[in-house]
Amino acid sequence: MKNLVTPNNAYRLLNHGPTVLVTSAHGGQRNIMAAAWNMPLDFDPPKIAIVIDKNTYTRELMGASGTFAINVPCRAQAELVVQVGSSSGRELLGKSPDNKFEAFNLPTFAASKINAPLLQGCVAWLECKIIPEPHIQDTYDLFLAEVVAAQADERVFSDGRWHFEGRDQENLDKLRTIHHVAGGAFMSIGDAFKIGA
């Protein structure tokens, strides 16, 4: 159950600062990595910023393809986030024809506008096209990208808003986004509340 998200609401999928999984693909190879430093950057067109270390295999594939996807994992996937964040796709290349996806049995589905796979079980997906900025990429490992398509799990994101409460609270709690604090410690997003009108 996925909900298409309008481009002008795509920033709301990241505005609460979740840890994300970045997927990339090029030349028949694909990879996935965890990233905690990401943020929305602009509304129209929607843009994001993300830090990707120059030594990662994901960055190599991103640079070659000019695209990547941001997958927003949930609490039920926390162990998976640690697994893919603690392993190198480059090191797994010789051991598996599809590296991390096969090694960790990660089910995916096709993106609508880019070649990078989208990870099933996440609560949001953003398909991104890199805005070339060689100086900041090389100096700060910072990538700017335009969001060209986005979707979210309608159980927890609809009408442009996150909502993690409902009749099936136990299962909804497993869909809360996670936030890396440091040293393998995570927090899941808490209860939503609103101030004013």
Protein backbone atom coordinates (compact mmCIF):
# COMPACT_ATOMS: atom_id res chain seq x y z
CA MET A 1 0.00 0.00 0.00
CA LYS A 2 1.79 3.08 -1.25
CA ASN A 3 0.59 6.63 -1.51
CA LEU A 4 1.96 8.86 -4.28
CA VAL A 5 3.30 12.04 -2.74
CA THR A 6 3.10 15.31 -4.61
CA PRO A 7 6.52 16.85 -5.28
CA ASN A 8 5.68 19.92 -3.20
CA ASN A 9 5.14 17.64 -0.16
CA ALA A 10 8.20 15.43 -0.75
CA TYR A 11 10.29 17.41 1.76
CA ARG A 12 7.93 16.31 4.54
CA LEU A 13 9.17 12.74 4.10
CA LEU A 14 12.58 13.88 5.44
CA ASN A 15 11.76 16.96 7.50
CA HIS A 16 11.72 15.00 10.76
CA GLY A 17 15.34 13.89 10.28
CA PRO A 18 15.22 10.09 9.86
CA THR A 19 18.10 7.75 9.20
CA VAL A 20 17.78 6.64 5.58
CA LEU A 21 18.97 3.88 3.30
CA VAL A 22 20.51 5.08 0.04
CA THR A 23 20.23 2.80 -2.98
CA SER A 24 22.15 3.23 -6.20
CA ALA A 25 22.63 1.34 -9.45
CA HIS A 26 24.76 1.49 -12.58
CA GLY A 27 26.01 -0.96 -15.19
CA GLY A 28 24.19 -3.96 -13.75
CA GLN A 29 25.53 -3.34 -10.21
CA ARG A 30 23.56 -1.95 -7.29
CA ASN A 31 24.19 -1.13 -3.67
CA ILE A 32 22.56 0.07 -0.47
CA MET A 33 24.01 1.96 2.50
CA ALA A 34 22.77 3.70 5.63
CA ALA A 35 23.03 7.50 5.95
CA ALA A 36 22.07 9.69 8.88
CA TRP A 37 23.05 13.11 7.50
CA ASN A 38 20.31 14.16 5.11
CA MET A 39 17.81 17.00 4.91
CA PRO A 40 15.26 18.72 2.71
CA LEU A 41 16.72 21.74 0.96
CA ASP A 42 14.08 23.41 -1.22
CA PHE A 43 10.41 23.22 -2.20
CA ASP A 44 10.02 23.94 -5.92
CA PRO A 45 11.53 21.98 -7.42
CA PRO A 46 11.96 19.78 -4.34
CA LYS A 47 15.62 19.28 -3.43
CA ILE A 48 17.50 17.41 -0.74
CA ALA A 49 21.06 17.37 0.60
CA ILE A 50 22.86 14.23 1.75
CA VAL A 51 26.39 13.36 2.84
CA ILE A 52 27.92 10.32 1.11
CA ASP A 53 31.55 9.49 1.91
CA LYS A 54 33.86 9.39 -1.09
CA ASN A 55 35.07 5.86 -0.21
CA THR A 56 31.66 4.19 -0.49
CA TYR A 57 30.59 1.92 -3.31
CA THR A 58 27.21 3.67 -3.27
CA ARG A 59 28.89 6.96 -4.14
CA GLU A 60 30.76 5.31 -7.02
CA LEU A 61 27.46 4.08 -8.48
CA MET A 62 25.75 7.44 -7.80
CA GLY A 63 28.50 9.29 -9.64
CA ALA A 64 28.27 6.97 -12.62
CA SER A 65 24.47 7.05 -12.88
CA GLY A 66 23.71 10.60 -11.71
CA THR A 67 20.83 9.27 -9.60
CA PHE A 68 20.05 7.54 -6.31
CA ALA A 69 17.08 6.72 -4.11
CA ILE A 70 16.41 7.51 -0.49
CA ASN A 71 14.49 4.78 1.33
CA VAL A 72 13.11 5.73 4.76
CA PRO A 73 13.26 2.63 6.96
CA CYS A 74 11.11 1.98 10.01
CA ARG A 75 11.69 0.57 13.48
CA ALA A 76 10.97 -2.97 12.26
CA GLN A 77 14.01 -2.61 9.96
CA ALA A 78 16.48 -1.28 12.56
CA GLU A 79 18.62 -4.43 12.55
CA LEU A 80 18.73 -4.33 8.75
CA VAL A 81 19.88 -0.69 8.87
CA VAL A 82 22.81 -1.70 11.10
CA GLN A 83 23.66 -4.66 8.82
CA VAL A 84 23.81 -2.66 5.60
CA GLY A 85 25.46 0.26 7.37
CA SER A 86 28.20 -1.96 8.80
CA SER A 87 29.15 -3.76 5.60
CA SER A 88 30.76 -2.78 2.32
CA GLY A 89 29.06 -3.52 -0.98
CA ARG A 90 32.47 -3.38 -2.65
CA GLU A 91 33.79 -6.15 -0.35
CA LEU A 92 30.75 -8.32 -1.07
CA LEU A 93 31.05 -7.98 -4.87
CA GLY A 94 33.21 -11.07 -5.26
CA LYS A 95 31.05 -13.15 -2.93
CA SER A 96 27.64 -12.37 -4.35
CA PRO A 97 26.43 -11.33 -7.78
CA ASP A 98 24.10 -8.80 -6.20
CA ASN A 99 26.16 -7.93 -3.08
CA LYS A 100 24.14 -6.59 -0.13
CA PHE A 101 20.73 -7.25 -1.64
CA GLU A 102 21.47 -10.96 -1.96
CA ALA A 103 23.65 -11.25 1.13
CA PHE A 104 20.90 -9.83 3.37
CA ASN A 105 17.93 -11.09 1.33
CA LEU A 106 16.58 -7.59 0.65
CA PRO A 107 13.39 -7.49 -1.43
CA THR A 108 13.10 -4.52 -3.78
CA PHE A 109 10.75 -3.02 -6.33
CA ALA A 110 11.39 -0.80 -9.34
CA ALA A 111 11.55 2.96 -9.07
CA SER A 112 9.40 4.93 -11.51
CA LYS A 113 11.99 7.41 -12.86
CA ILE A 114 15.48 6.09 -12.00
CA ASN A 115 17.32 2.75 -12.10
CA ALA A 116 18.16 2.45 -8.39
CA PRO A 117 16.00 -0.16 -6.66
CA LEU A 118 13.57 0.75 -3.87
CA LEU A 119 13.59 -1.36 -0.70
CA GLN A 120 10.34 -3.03 0.30
CA GLY A 121 9.16 -2.55 3.86
CA CYS A 122 10.29 1.07 4.15
CA VAL A 123 7.75 3.79 4.86
CA ALA A 124 8.85 6.32 2.21
CA TRP A 125 10.88 6.45 -0.99
CA LEU A 126 12.40 9.43 -2.82
CA GLU A 127 13.87 9.09 -6.30
CA CYS A 128 16.62 11.64 -6.77
CA LYS A 129 18.62 13.14 -9.65
CA ILE A 130 22.00 14.58 -8.64
CA ILE A 131 22.57 18.30 -9.18
CA PRO A 132 26.24 18.41 -10.22
CA GLU A 133 28.28 20.44 -7.72
CA PRO A 134 31.80 18.94 -7.98
CA HIS A 135 33.39 21.32 -5.46
CA ILE A 136 31.05 20.54 -2.57
CA GLN A 137 30.91 16.85 -3.48
CA ASP A 138 34.71 16.54 -3.47
CA THR A 139 35.37 18.89 -0.54
CA TYR A 140 32.50 18.06 1.81
CA ASP A 141 31.06 14.76 0.49
CA LEU A 142 27.79 16.70 0.17
CA PHE A 143 25.37 15.90 -2.63
CA LEU A 144 22.45 18.05 -3.72
CA ALA A 145 19.66 16.37 -5.63
CA GLU A 146 16.25 17.07 -7.07
CA VAL A 147 13.47 14.74 -5.99
CA VAL A 148 11.89 13.52 -9.25
CA ALA A 149 9.37 11.11 -7.67
CA ALA A 150 8.26 10.20 -4.16
CA GLN A 151 5.86 7.83 -2.46
CA ALA A 152 5.03 6.74 1.06
CA ASP A 153 3.21 4.04 2.97
CA GLU A 154 -0.33 5.36 3.34
CA ARG A 155 -0.69 3.73 6.76
CA VAL A 156 1.70 6.35 8.21
CA PHE A 157 1.85 9.18 5.63
CA SER A 158 -1.13 10.70 3.83
CA ASP A 159 -2.50 14.13 3.01
CA GLY A 160 1.05 15.48 3.26
CA ARG A 161 1.49 14.43 6.92
CA TRP A 162 3.09 11.70 9.01
CA HIS A 163 0.69 9.95 11.40
CA PHE A 164 1.81 7.03 13.56
CA GLU A 165 -1.34 6.55 15.63
CA GLY A 166 -4.40 4.44 14.88
CA ARG A 167 -6.46 1.37 15.70
CA ASP A 168 -3.62 -1.09 15.13
CA GLN A 169 -1.12 0.75 17.36
CA GLU A 170 1.23 -2.18 17.93
CA ASN A 171 1.86 -2.57 14.20
CA LEU A 172 1.95 1.18 13.60
CA ASP A 173 4.67 1.51 16.24
CA LYS A 174 6.84 -0.84 14.15
CA LEU A 175 6.44 1.61 11.23
CA ARG A 176 7.84 4.61 13.14
CA THR A 177 10.92 6.11 11.50
CA ILE A 178 14.28 5.70 13.21
CA HIS A 179 16.93 8.28 14.01
CA HIS A 180 20.60 7.45 14.53
CA VAL A 181 22.03 9.19 17.57
CA ALA A 182 25.60 7.79 17.60
CA GLY A 183 27.52 4.57 18.18
CA GLY A 184 24.72 2.25 17.08
CA ALA A 185 22.11 3.97 19.26
CA PHE A 186 18.78 4.85 17.66
CA MET A 187 15.53 6.50 18.67
CA SER A 188 12.18 6.07 16.97
CA ILE A 189 9.99 9.06 16.32
CA GLY A 190 7.60 9.84 19.16
CA ASP A 191 4.00 10.92 19.33
CA ALA A 192 2.87 13.67 16.99
CA PHE A 193 1.27 16.81 18.41
CA LYS A 194 0.24 20.14 16.96
CA ILE A 195 0.40 23.68 18.27
CA GLY A 196 -2.12 26.27 17.12
CA ALA A 197 -4.46 26.11 14.14
